[in-house]
N, C-alpha and C. Protein backbone atom coordinates (compact mmCIF):
# COMPACT_ATOMS: atom_id res chain seq x y z
N UNK A 1 -10.00 4.16 10.05
CA UNK A 1 -9.16 3.62 8.99
C UNK A 1 -9.32 2.10 8.83
N UNK A 2 -9.90 1.42 9.77
CA UNK A 2 -10.15 -0.01 9.59
C UNK A 2 -8.91 -0.87 9.76
N UNK A 3 -8.78 -1.88 8.92
CA UNK A 3 -7.70 -2.85 9.05
C UNK A 3 -6.39 -2.42 8.40
N UNK A 4 -6.47 -1.50 7.46
CA UNK A 4 -5.24 -0.98 6.86
C UNK A 4 -4.62 -0.01 7.86
N UNK A 5 -3.34 -0.20 8.16
CA UNK A 5 -2.68 0.61 9.17
C UNK A 5 -1.98 1.80 8.55
N UNK A 6 -1.96 2.90 9.29
CA UNK A 6 -1.29 4.10 8.81
C UNK A 6 0.22 3.95 9.02
N UNK A 7 0.99 4.27 8.02
CA UNK A 7 2.44 4.26 8.15
C UNK A 7 2.96 5.65 7.81
N UNK A 8 4.00 6.06 8.50
CA UNK A 8 4.60 7.38 8.26
C UNK A 8 6.10 7.21 8.11
N UNK A 9 6.77 8.27 7.75
CA UNK A 9 8.22 8.22 7.54
C UNK A 9 8.94 7.65 8.77
N UNK A 10 8.48 8.05 9.96
CA UNK A 10 9.16 7.63 11.19
C UNK A 10 9.06 6.13 11.45
N UNK A 11 8.01 5.49 10.95
CA UNK A 11 7.82 4.06 11.19
C UNK A 11 8.04 3.21 9.93
N UNK A 12 8.39 3.85 8.82
CA UNK A 12 8.50 3.17 7.53
C UNK A 12 9.43 1.95 7.56
N UNK A 13 10.66 2.12 8.01
CA UNK A 13 11.62 1.01 7.99
C UNK A 13 11.11 -0.18 8.79
N UNK A 14 10.65 0.10 10.00
CA UNK A 14 10.19 -0.97 10.88
C UNK A 14 8.94 -1.66 10.32
N UNK A 15 7.96 -0.89 9.88
CA UNK A 15 6.68 -1.44 9.45
C UNK A 15 6.71 -2.07 8.06
N UNK A 16 7.51 -1.51 7.17
CA UNK A 16 7.49 -1.96 5.77
C UNK A 16 8.75 -2.74 5.42
N UNK A 17 9.91 -2.13 5.57
CA UNK A 17 11.15 -2.75 5.09
C UNK A 17 11.59 -3.94 5.94
N UNK A 18 11.24 -3.93 7.23
CA UNK A 18 11.66 -5.03 8.11
C UNK A 18 10.53 -6.02 8.38
N UNK A 19 9.43 -5.90 7.67
CA UNK A 19 8.29 -6.80 7.89
C UNK A 19 8.65 -8.22 7.46
N UNK A 20 8.08 -9.18 8.15
CA UNK A 20 8.37 -10.59 7.85
C UNK A 20 7.35 -11.21 6.90
N UNK A 21 6.50 -10.37 6.32
CA UNK A 21 5.52 -10.88 5.36
C UNK A 21 5.36 -9.87 4.23
N UNK A 22 4.58 -10.22 3.24
CA UNK A 22 4.29 -9.32 2.14
C UNK A 22 3.59 -8.07 2.68
N UNK A 23 4.02 -6.90 2.21
CA UNK A 23 3.42 -5.64 2.64
C UNK A 23 2.85 -4.92 1.42
N UNK A 24 1.59 -4.52 1.52
CA UNK A 24 0.95 -3.70 0.49
C UNK A 24 0.85 -2.30 1.05
N UNK A 25 1.45 -1.33 0.35
CA UNK A 25 1.36 0.07 0.79
C UNK A 25 0.53 0.85 -0.22
N UNK A 26 -0.52 1.48 0.29
CA UNK A 26 -1.38 2.34 -0.51
C UNK A 26 -0.89 3.77 -0.34
N UNK A 27 -0.26 4.31 -1.39
CA UNK A 27 0.17 5.72 -1.38
C UNK A 27 -1.04 6.55 -1.82
N UNK A 28 -1.50 7.45 -0.95
CA UNK A 28 -2.74 8.18 -1.23
C UNK A 28 -2.65 9.61 -0.71
N UNK A 29 -3.69 10.39 -1.01
CA UNK A 29 -3.83 11.74 -0.45
C UNK A 29 -5.32 12.04 -0.34
N UNK A 30 -5.67 12.89 0.62
CA UNK A 30 -7.08 13.18 0.90
C UNK A 30 -7.80 13.82 -0.29
N UNK A 31 -7.10 14.58 -1.10
CA UNK A 31 -7.73 15.31 -2.22
C UNK A 31 -7.88 14.45 -3.47
N UNK A 32 -7.37 13.23 -3.45
CA UNK A 32 -7.31 12.38 -4.64
C UNK A 32 -8.58 11.54 -4.79
N UNK A 33 -9.38 11.84 -5.80
CA UNK A 33 -10.63 11.11 -6.05
C UNK A 33 -10.44 9.61 -6.24
N UNK A 34 -9.56 9.20 -7.17
CA UNK A 34 -9.34 7.75 -7.36
C UNK A 34 -8.85 7.06 -6.09
N UNK A 35 -8.12 7.79 -5.23
CA UNK A 35 -7.65 7.21 -3.96
C UNK A 35 -8.85 6.84 -3.09
N UNK A 36 -9.87 7.70 -3.10
CA UNK A 36 -11.07 7.45 -2.31
C UNK A 36 -11.82 6.22 -2.84
N UNK A 37 -11.74 6.00 -4.17
CA UNK A 37 -12.41 4.83 -4.76
C UNK A 37 -11.67 3.54 -4.41
N UNK A 38 -10.36 3.60 -4.31
CA UNK A 38 -9.55 2.41 -4.02
C UNK A 38 -9.58 2.07 -2.52
N UNK A 39 -9.77 3.08 -1.67
CA UNK A 39 -9.70 2.88 -0.22
C UNK A 39 -10.55 1.72 0.31
N UNK A 40 -11.84 1.60 -0.09
CA UNK A 40 -12.63 0.48 0.45
C UNK A 40 -12.09 -0.88 -0.02
N UNK A 41 -11.56 -0.93 -1.24
CA UNK A 41 -10.98 -2.17 -1.76
C UNK A 41 -9.75 -2.55 -0.93
N UNK A 42 -8.93 -1.56 -0.62
CA UNK A 42 -7.73 -1.80 0.20
C UNK A 42 -8.14 -2.32 1.58
N UNK A 43 -9.20 -1.75 2.15
CA UNK A 43 -9.70 -2.21 3.45
C UNK A 43 -10.18 -3.66 3.37
N UNK A 44 -10.90 -3.99 2.30
CA UNK A 44 -11.40 -5.36 2.13
C UNK A 44 -10.23 -6.34 2.01
N UNK A 45 -9.21 -5.96 1.26
CA UNK A 45 -8.03 -6.82 1.11
C UNK A 45 -7.33 -7.00 2.46
N UNK A 46 -7.27 -5.93 3.25
CA UNK A 46 -6.64 -6.01 4.58
C UNK A 46 -7.37 -7.03 5.44
N UNK A 47 -8.68 -7.06 5.33
CA UNK A 47 -9.48 -8.02 6.10
C UNK A 47 -9.28 -9.43 5.56
N UNK A 48 -9.41 -9.59 4.25
CA UNK A 48 -9.33 -10.92 3.64
C UNK A 48 -7.96 -11.57 3.80
N UNK A 49 -6.91 -10.77 3.75
CA UNK A 49 -5.55 -11.32 3.82
C UNK A 49 -4.93 -11.10 5.21
N UNK A 50 -5.77 -10.87 6.19
CA UNK A 50 -5.30 -10.65 7.56
C UNK A 50 -4.41 -11.82 7.99
N UNK A 51 -3.22 -11.48 8.53
CA UNK A 51 -2.29 -12.51 8.96
C UNK A 51 -1.33 -12.94 7.87
N UNK A 52 -1.69 -12.68 6.60
CA UNK A 52 -0.83 -13.08 5.48
C UNK A 52 -0.13 -11.87 4.84
N UNK A 53 -0.89 -10.79 4.74
CA UNK A 53 -0.37 -9.58 4.10
C UNK A 53 -0.58 -8.41 5.07
N UNK A 54 0.46 -7.60 5.22
CA UNK A 54 0.37 -6.40 6.04
C UNK A 54 -0.05 -5.27 5.10
N UNK A 55 -1.18 -4.64 5.38
CA UNK A 55 -1.69 -3.57 4.51
C UNK A 55 -1.52 -2.24 5.23
N UNK A 56 -0.80 -1.33 4.57
CA UNK A 56 -0.47 -0.03 5.14
C UNK A 56 -0.95 1.08 4.20
N UNK A 57 -1.22 2.25 4.78
CA UNK A 57 -1.58 3.43 3.98
C UNK A 57 -0.61 4.56 4.31
N UNK A 58 -0.08 5.18 3.28
CA UNK A 58 0.85 6.29 3.48
C UNK A 58 0.29 7.53 2.78
N UNK A 59 0.04 8.58 3.57
CA UNK A 59 -0.45 9.84 3.02
C UNK A 59 0.76 10.58 2.41
N UNK A 60 0.75 10.74 1.09
CA UNK A 60 1.90 11.33 0.40
C UNK A 60 2.08 12.81 0.75
N UNK A 61 1.00 13.51 1.10
CA UNK A 61 1.13 14.92 1.49
C UNK A 61 1.84 15.06 2.83
N UNK A 62 1.60 14.10 3.72
CA UNK A 62 2.21 14.15 5.05
C UNK A 62 3.61 13.55 5.09
N UNK A 63 3.95 12.75 4.08
CA UNK A 63 5.24 12.03 4.04
C UNK A 63 5.91 12.16 2.67
N UNK A 64 6.19 13.40 2.24
CA UNK A 64 6.74 13.59 0.89
C UNK A 64 8.09 12.92 0.69
N UNK A 65 8.87 12.76 1.78
CA UNK A 65 10.20 12.16 1.61
C UNK A 65 10.10 10.69 1.20
N UNK A 66 9.10 9.97 1.72
CA UNK A 66 8.93 8.56 1.33
C UNK A 66 8.39 8.49 -0.10
N UNK A 67 7.40 9.32 -0.41
CA UNK A 67 6.85 9.35 -1.76
C UNK A 67 7.95 9.67 -2.77
N UNK A 68 8.83 10.59 -2.41
CA UNK A 68 9.94 10.96 -3.30
C UNK A 68 10.94 9.84 -3.46
N UNK A 69 11.26 9.17 -2.36
CA UNK A 69 12.23 8.08 -2.39
C UNK A 69 11.80 6.98 -3.35
N UNK A 70 10.50 6.71 -3.41
CA UNK A 70 9.99 5.65 -4.28
C UNK A 70 9.43 6.19 -5.59
N UNK A 71 9.72 7.46 -5.88
CA UNK A 71 9.33 8.09 -7.14
C UNK A 71 7.84 7.94 -7.44
N UNK A 72 7.02 8.22 -6.45
CA UNK A 72 5.57 8.15 -6.64
C UNK A 72 5.15 9.38 -7.45
N UNK A 73 4.76 9.15 -8.69
CA UNK A 73 4.38 10.25 -9.58
C UNK A 73 2.87 10.44 -9.64
N UNK A 74 2.15 9.33 -9.56
CA UNK A 74 0.70 9.40 -9.61
C UNK A 74 0.11 8.60 -8.47
N UNK A 75 -1.00 9.07 -7.96
CA UNK A 75 -1.66 8.32 -6.89
C UNK A 75 -3.10 8.06 -7.31
N UNK A 76 -3.70 6.97 -6.87
CA UNK A 76 -3.11 6.02 -5.94
C UNK A 76 -2.03 5.16 -6.60
N UNK A 77 -1.00 4.87 -5.84
CA UNK A 77 -0.02 3.85 -6.22
C UNK A 77 -0.05 2.80 -5.11
N UNK A 78 -0.23 1.56 -5.51
CA UNK A 78 -0.20 0.45 -4.56
C UNK A 78 1.10 -0.28 -4.79
N UNK A 79 1.95 -0.29 -3.79
CA UNK A 79 3.27 -0.89 -3.93
C UNK A 79 3.37 -2.10 -3.01
N UNK A 80 3.94 -3.17 -3.55
CA UNK A 80 4.10 -4.41 -2.79
C UNK A 80 5.56 -4.58 -2.42
N UNK A 81 5.82 -4.81 -1.14
CA UNK A 81 7.18 -5.01 -0.64
C UNK A 81 7.33 -6.42 -0.09
N UNK A 82 8.44 -7.05 -0.45
CA UNK A 82 8.74 -8.38 0.05
C UNK A 82 10.20 -8.38 0.46
N UNK A 83 10.48 -8.77 1.69
CA UNK A 83 11.85 -8.78 2.20
C UNK A 83 12.54 -7.42 2.05
N UNK A 84 11.77 -6.34 2.26
CA UNK A 84 12.33 -4.99 2.21
C UNK A 84 12.56 -4.42 0.83
N UNK A 85 12.14 -5.16 -0.21
CA UNK A 85 12.34 -4.68 -1.59
C UNK A 85 11.00 -4.58 -2.30
N UNK A 86 10.95 -3.71 -3.30
CA UNK A 86 9.72 -3.58 -4.09
C UNK A 86 9.55 -4.85 -4.91
N UNK A 87 8.41 -5.51 -4.74
CA UNK A 87 8.14 -6.74 -5.49
C UNK A 87 7.26 -6.44 -6.71
N UNK A 88 6.41 -5.43 -6.60
CA UNK A 88 5.50 -5.09 -7.69
C UNK A 88 4.80 -3.79 -7.34
N UNK A 89 4.10 -3.22 -8.31
CA UNK A 89 3.30 -2.03 -8.01
C UNK A 89 2.20 -1.86 -9.03
N UNK A 90 1.15 -1.17 -8.62
CA UNK A 90 0.02 -0.85 -9.47
C UNK A 90 -0.22 0.64 -9.32
N UNK A 91 -0.26 1.35 -10.44
CA UNK A 91 -0.53 2.80 -10.39
C UNK A 91 -1.94 3.03 -10.92
N UNK A 92 -2.70 3.82 -10.18
CA UNK A 92 -4.07 4.10 -10.58
C UNK A 92 -5.05 3.16 -9.90
N UNK A 93 -6.32 3.41 -10.11
CA UNK A 93 -7.36 2.61 -9.48
C UNK A 93 -7.43 1.25 -10.17
N UNK A 94 -7.21 0.20 -9.40
CA UNK A 94 -7.28 -1.16 -9.92
C UNK A 94 -8.47 -1.87 -9.28
N UNK A 95 -8.98 -2.87 -9.97
CA UNK A 95 -10.11 -3.63 -9.42
C UNK A 95 -9.62 -4.57 -8.32
N UNK A 96 -10.56 -4.99 -7.50
CA UNK A 96 -10.23 -5.90 -6.42
C UNK A 96 -9.67 -7.21 -6.97
N UNK A 97 -10.27 -7.72 -8.05
CA UNK A 97 -9.81 -8.98 -8.62
C UNK A 97 -8.38 -8.86 -9.16
N UNK A 98 -8.05 -7.72 -9.76
CA UNK A 98 -6.68 -7.48 -10.25
C UNK A 98 -5.70 -7.52 -9.08
N UNK A 99 -6.07 -6.87 -8.00
CA UNK A 99 -5.18 -6.79 -6.84
C UNK A 99 -5.05 -8.15 -6.15
N UNK A 100 -6.14 -8.90 -6.09
CA UNK A 100 -6.09 -10.24 -5.47
C UNK A 100 -5.16 -11.15 -6.27
N UNK A 101 -5.25 -11.08 -7.60
CA UNK A 101 -4.39 -11.89 -8.46
C UNK A 101 -2.93 -11.55 -8.21
N UNK A 102 -2.65 -10.26 -8.09
CA UNK A 102 -1.27 -9.82 -7.85
C UNK A 102 -0.79 -10.29 -6.48
N UNK A 103 -1.61 -10.13 -5.45
CA UNK A 103 -1.24 -10.58 -4.11
C UNK A 103 -0.98 -12.08 -4.10
N UNK A 104 -1.89 -12.84 -4.70
CA UNK A 104 -1.76 -14.30 -4.71
C UNK A 104 -0.47 -14.73 -5.40
N UNK A 105 -0.08 -14.01 -6.44
CA UNK A 105 1.15 -14.37 -7.17
C UNK A 105 2.41 -14.06 -6.35
N UNK A 106 2.29 -13.12 -5.40
CA UNK A 106 3.43 -12.71 -4.59
C UNK A 106 3.57 -13.48 -3.28
N UNK A 107 2.48 -14.12 -2.86
CA UNK A 107 2.50 -14.86 -1.58
C UNK A 107 3.28 -16.16 -1.71
């Protein structure tokens, strides 16, 4: 999985909501084609923003309660959390430059 860390329902509050920095969560599933296209970009962002942004991946099939709580209708959904609240989100496959612009605006 590389630099993006796996998050699950059991660790969600600690890893995402109580984080002391910006958190990017990639909501994905193994069967989702666009998710597979976004995955390497998410990994690159995890490397580039190491220490500044916490990058997590949540498998929606394995954690339906979290996906439901945040009303994830389409995947991939990339959700940004700041101070335990949703700061922004991108639904669908986005380019690396689009995501970098969004991250930079939230930092």
